[in-house]
Amino acid sequence: MKTSTIPSLRVEPELRHAAESVLHDNESLSSFVAQSLRVNINQRRAQQEFIARGLASQNEARRSGEYYAAEDVLHELDAMLARTENK
């Protein structure tokens, strides 16, 4: 696969210095920026999927008329967490 370039990015010197100050040994600024892009792409995709699942759930609740009180859901989640912690 051929590689391509990301457009040049002009930043304030402070931001560049901050980025350079957290680089690992033998890590380049370019690889740091590329990894940052990957992380943010994955995060945004996960966020989009989360929102899509929420909207689908909302539509299903409207269709079925089946709703749950937030307090009941939180109690059930607490119980699930307690069971997991006790294993």
N, C-alpha and C. Protein backbone atom coordinates (compact mmCIF):
# COMPACT_ATOMS: atom_id res chain seq x y z
N MET A 1 0.85 -1.17 0.00
CA MET A 1 0.00 0.00 0.00
C MET A 1 0.89 1.24 0.00
N LYS A 2 0.58 2.15 -0.85
CA LYS A 2 1.31 3.42 -0.89
C LYS A 2 0.92 4.26 0.31
N THR A 3 1.86 5.06 0.76
CA THR A 3 1.54 5.99 1.84
C THR A 3 1.18 7.33 1.24
N SER A 4 0.50 8.12 2.01
CA SER A 4 0.19 9.48 1.59
C SER A 4 0.51 10.42 2.74
N THR A 5 0.45 11.68 2.49
CA THR A 5 0.81 12.65 3.51
C THR A 5 -0.43 13.34 4.05
N ILE A 6 -0.31 13.79 5.28
CA ILE A 6 -1.32 14.63 5.91
C ILE A 6 -0.87 16.07 5.67
N PRO A 7 -1.80 16.98 5.43
CA PRO A 7 -1.38 18.37 5.20
C PRO A 7 -0.53 18.91 6.36
N SER A 8 0.35 19.82 6.03
CA SER A 8 1.18 20.47 7.05
C SER A 8 0.29 21.08 8.12
N LEU A 9 0.79 21.04 9.32
CA LEU A 9 0.01 21.54 10.44
C LEU A 9 0.81 22.62 11.14
N ARG A 10 0.32 23.82 11.13
CA ARG A 10 0.98 24.92 11.82
C ARG A 10 0.43 24.98 13.24
N VAL A 11 1.35 24.97 14.20
CA VAL A 11 0.96 25.03 15.61
C VAL A 11 1.82 26.06 16.31
N GLU A 12 1.37 26.46 17.47
CA GLU A 12 2.16 27.37 18.30
C GLU A 12 3.38 26.63 18.81
N PRO A 13 4.48 27.33 18.99
CA PRO A 13 5.71 26.68 19.48
C PRO A 13 5.50 25.92 20.79
N GLU A 14 4.63 26.43 21.64
CA GLU A 14 4.37 25.77 22.93
C GLU A 14 3.77 24.37 22.73
N LEU A 15 2.87 24.25 21.75
CA LEU A 15 2.24 22.96 21.48
C LEU A 15 3.26 21.98 20.92
N ARG A 16 4.10 22.45 20.02
CA ARG A 16 5.15 21.57 19.47
C ARG A 16 6.08 21.12 20.59
N HIS A 17 6.48 22.05 21.45
CA HIS A 17 7.37 21.69 22.55
C HIS A 17 6.70 20.67 23.48
N ALA A 18 5.44 20.89 23.77
CA ALA A 18 4.72 19.95 24.64
C ALA A 18 4.68 18.56 24.02
N ALA A 19 4.43 18.49 22.72
CA ALA A 19 4.40 17.19 22.04
C ALA A 19 5.78 16.54 22.07
N GLU A 20 6.80 17.30 21.78
CA GLU A 20 8.16 16.76 21.78
C GLU A 20 8.58 16.30 23.18
N SER A 21 8.05 16.95 24.21
CA SER A 21 8.46 16.63 25.58
C SER A 21 7.91 15.29 26.06
N VAL A 22 6.92 14.75 25.37
CA VAL A 22 6.34 13.47 25.80
C VAL A 22 6.69 12.31 24.87
N LEU A 23 7.55 12.56 23.90
CA LEU A 23 7.95 11.49 22.98
C LEU A 23 8.72 10.41 23.72
N HIS A 24 8.47 9.17 23.36
CA HIS A 24 9.23 8.04 23.89
C HIS A 24 10.59 7.98 23.21
N ASP A 25 11.50 7.19 23.77
CA ASP A 25 12.80 7.01 23.14
C ASP A 25 12.61 6.49 21.72
N ASN A 26 13.35 7.03 20.79
CA ASN A 26 13.32 6.64 19.38
C ASN A 26 11.97 6.86 18.71
N GLU A 27 11.12 7.71 19.29
CA GLU A 27 9.83 8.03 18.67
C GLU A 27 9.96 9.39 17.98
N SER A 28 9.47 9.47 16.77
CA SER A 28 9.52 10.74 16.05
C SER A 28 8.22 11.51 16.26
N LEU A 29 8.29 12.79 16.02
CA LEU A 29 7.09 13.62 16.11
C LEU A 29 6.06 13.15 15.08
N SER A 30 6.52 12.74 13.91
CA SER A 30 5.61 12.25 12.87
C SER A 30 4.87 10.99 13.32
N SER A 31 5.59 10.06 13.94
CA SER A 31 4.92 8.84 14.40
C SER A 31 3.95 9.15 15.53
N PHE A 32 4.30 10.11 16.39
CA PHE A 32 3.40 10.52 17.47
C PHE A 32 2.11 11.10 16.89
N VAL A 33 2.24 11.97 15.90
CA VAL A 33 1.07 12.58 15.27
C VAL A 33 0.21 11.51 14.59
N ALA A 34 0.84 10.57 13.88
CA ALA A 34 0.10 9.50 13.21
C ALA A 34 -0.65 8.65 14.23
N GLN A 35 0.02 8.32 15.34
CA GLN A 35 -0.65 7.52 16.39
C GLN A 35 -1.79 8.30 17.02
N SER A 36 -1.60 9.59 17.20
CA SER A 36 -2.68 10.43 17.74
C SER A 36 -3.88 10.44 16.82
N LEU A 37 -3.64 10.48 15.53
CA LEU A 37 -4.74 10.41 14.56
C LEU A 37 -5.48 9.08 14.68
N ARG A 38 -4.72 7.98 14.76
CA ARG A 38 -5.35 6.66 14.89
C ARG A 38 -6.23 6.58 16.13
N VAL A 39 -5.71 7.06 17.25
CA VAL A 39 -6.45 7.02 18.51
C VAL A 39 -7.74 7.83 18.40
N ASN A 40 -7.64 9.03 17.84
CA ASN A 40 -8.82 9.88 17.73
C ASN A 40 -9.83 9.34 16.73
N ILE A 41 -9.36 8.74 15.65
CA ILE A 41 -10.28 8.11 14.69
C ILE A 41 -11.04 6.98 15.36
N ASN A 42 -10.33 6.13 16.10
CA ASN A 42 -10.99 5.03 16.81
C ASN A 42 -11.98 5.54 17.84
N GLN A 43 -11.60 6.59 18.56
CA GLN A 43 -12.49 7.16 19.57
C GLN A 43 -13.75 7.73 18.93
N ARG A 44 -13.60 8.42 17.84
CA ARG A 44 -14.78 9.00 17.18
C ARG A 44 -15.67 7.94 16.55
N ARG A 45 -15.07 6.89 16.03
CA ARG A 45 -15.89 5.79 15.50
C ARG A 45 -16.68 5.13 16.63
N ALA A 46 -16.02 4.91 17.76
CA ALA A 46 -16.71 4.31 18.91
C ALA A 46 -17.83 5.22 19.38
N GLN A 47 -17.59 6.52 19.39
CA GLN A 47 -18.61 7.47 19.79
C GLN A 47 -19.80 7.43 18.83
N GLN A 48 -19.52 7.39 17.53
CA GLN A 48 -20.59 7.32 16.54
C GLN A 48 -21.42 6.04 16.70
N GLU A 49 -20.74 4.92 16.95
CA GLU A 49 -21.43 3.65 17.15
C GLU A 49 -22.28 3.68 18.42
N PHE A 50 -21.74 4.30 19.48
CA PHE A 50 -22.48 4.43 20.74
C PHE A 50 -23.76 5.23 20.52
N ILE A 51 -23.63 6.34 19.81
CA ILE A 51 -24.80 7.18 19.54
C ILE A 51 -25.81 6.42 18.68
N ALA A 52 -25.33 5.70 17.68
CA ALA A 52 -26.23 4.92 16.82
C ALA A 52 -26.98 3.87 17.63
N ARG A 53 -26.27 3.18 18.55
CA ARG A 53 -26.94 2.18 19.39
C ARG A 53 -27.98 2.84 20.29
N GLY A 54 -27.65 4.01 20.82
CA GLY A 54 -28.60 4.73 21.68
C GLY A 54 -29.84 5.15 20.92
N LEU A 55 -29.65 5.65 19.72
CA LEU A 55 -30.81 6.05 18.91
C LEU A 55 -31.65 4.85 18.51
N ALA A 56 -30.99 3.74 18.19
CA ALA A 56 -31.74 2.52 17.85
C ALA A 56 -32.53 2.04 19.07
N SER A 57 -31.92 2.11 20.24
CA SER A 57 -32.60 1.71 21.47
C SER A 57 -33.80 2.61 21.75
N GLN A 58 -33.62 3.90 21.52
CA GLN A 58 -34.71 4.85 21.70
C GLN A 58 -35.87 4.51 20.76
N ASN A 59 -35.54 4.25 19.51
CA ASN A 59 -36.59 3.90 18.54
C ASN A 59 -37.30 2.61 18.91
N GLU A 60 -36.54 1.62 19.40
CA GLU A 60 -37.15 0.35 19.81
C GLU A 60 -38.06 0.56 21.02
N ALA A 61 -37.64 1.39 21.95
CA ALA A 61 -38.48 1.67 23.12
C ALA A 61 -39.78 2.36 22.70
N ARG A 62 -39.67 3.29 21.78
CA ARG A 62 -40.88 3.97 21.29
C ARG A 62 -41.80 2.99 20.57
N ARG A 63 -41.19 2.10 19.78
CA ARG A 63 -41.98 1.12 19.04
C ARG A 63 -42.68 0.15 19.97
N SER A 64 -41.94 -0.35 20.97
CA SER A 64 -42.49 -1.38 21.85
C SER A 64 -43.24 -0.80 23.05
N GLY A 65 -42.95 0.45 23.38
CA GLY A 65 -43.57 1.04 24.57
C GLY A 65 -42.94 0.56 25.85
N GLU A 66 -41.82 -0.16 25.76
CA GLU A 66 -41.15 -0.72 26.94
C GLU A 66 -40.02 0.21 27.38
N TYR A 67 -40.19 0.80 28.56
CA TYR A 67 -39.20 1.71 29.11
C TYR A 67 -38.79 1.22 30.49
N TYR A 68 -37.62 1.65 30.93
CA TYR A 68 -37.11 1.29 32.26
C TYR A 68 -36.72 2.56 32.99
N ALA A 69 -37.02 2.60 34.28
CA ALA A 69 -36.64 3.75 35.10
C ALA A 69 -35.13 3.75 35.28
N ALA A 70 -34.53 4.93 35.21
CA ALA A 70 -33.08 5.06 35.36
C ALA A 70 -32.62 4.46 36.69
N GLU A 71 -33.38 4.69 37.75
CA GLU A 71 -33.01 4.16 39.07
C GLU A 71 -32.95 2.64 39.05
N ASP A 72 -33.90 1.99 38.39
CA ASP A 72 -33.88 0.52 38.30
C ASP A 72 -32.67 0.02 37.52
N VAL A 73 -32.34 0.71 36.45
CA VAL A 73 -31.18 0.31 35.64
C VAL A 73 -29.90 0.47 36.45
N LEU A 74 -29.78 1.58 37.17
CA LEU A 74 -28.58 1.81 37.98
C LEU A 74 -28.45 0.77 39.08
N HIS A 75 -29.55 0.39 39.70
CA HIS A 75 -29.50 -0.66 40.73
C HIS A 75 -29.04 -1.98 40.12
N GLU A 76 -29.53 -2.31 38.95
CA GLU A 76 -29.13 -3.55 38.28
C GLU A 76 -27.65 -3.51 37.91
N LEU A 77 -27.18 -2.36 37.43
CA LEU A 77 -25.75 -2.24 37.11
C LEU A 77 -24.89 -2.38 38.37
N ASP A 78 -25.34 -1.78 39.46
CA ASP A 78 -24.60 -1.93 40.73
C ASP A 78 -24.54 -3.39 41.15
N ALA A 79 -25.63 -4.11 40.97
CA ALA A 79 -25.66 -5.53 41.34
C ALA A 79 -24.72 -6.32 40.44
N MET A 80 -24.70 -6.02 39.15
CA MET A 80 -23.79 -6.71 38.24
C MET A 80 -22.34 -6.44 38.62
N LEU A 81 -22.04 -5.22 38.96
CA LEU A 81 -20.68 -4.86 39.36
C LEU A 81 -20.29 -5.59 40.64
N ALA A 82 -21.18 -5.63 41.59
CA ALA A 82 -20.89 -6.32 42.85
C ALA A 82 -20.64 -7.80 42.62
N ARG A 83 -21.43 -8.42 41.74
CA ARG A 83 -21.21 -9.85 41.44
C ARG A 83 -19.85 -10.07 40.78
N THR A 84 -19.48 -9.17 39.90
CA THR A 84 -18.19 -9.28 39.21
C THR A 84 -17.04 -9.08 40.19
N GLU A 85 -17.16 -8.14 41.10
CA GLU A 85 -16.09 -7.86 42.06
C GLU A 85 -15.94 -8.99 43.06
N ASN A 86 -16.99 -9.74 43.31
CA ASN A 86 -16.94 -10.84 44.29
C ASN A 86 -16.43 -12.14 43.69
N LYS A 87 -16.16 -12.18 42.42
CA LYS A 87 -15.68 -13.41 41.78
C LYS A 87 -14.22 -13.62 42.05
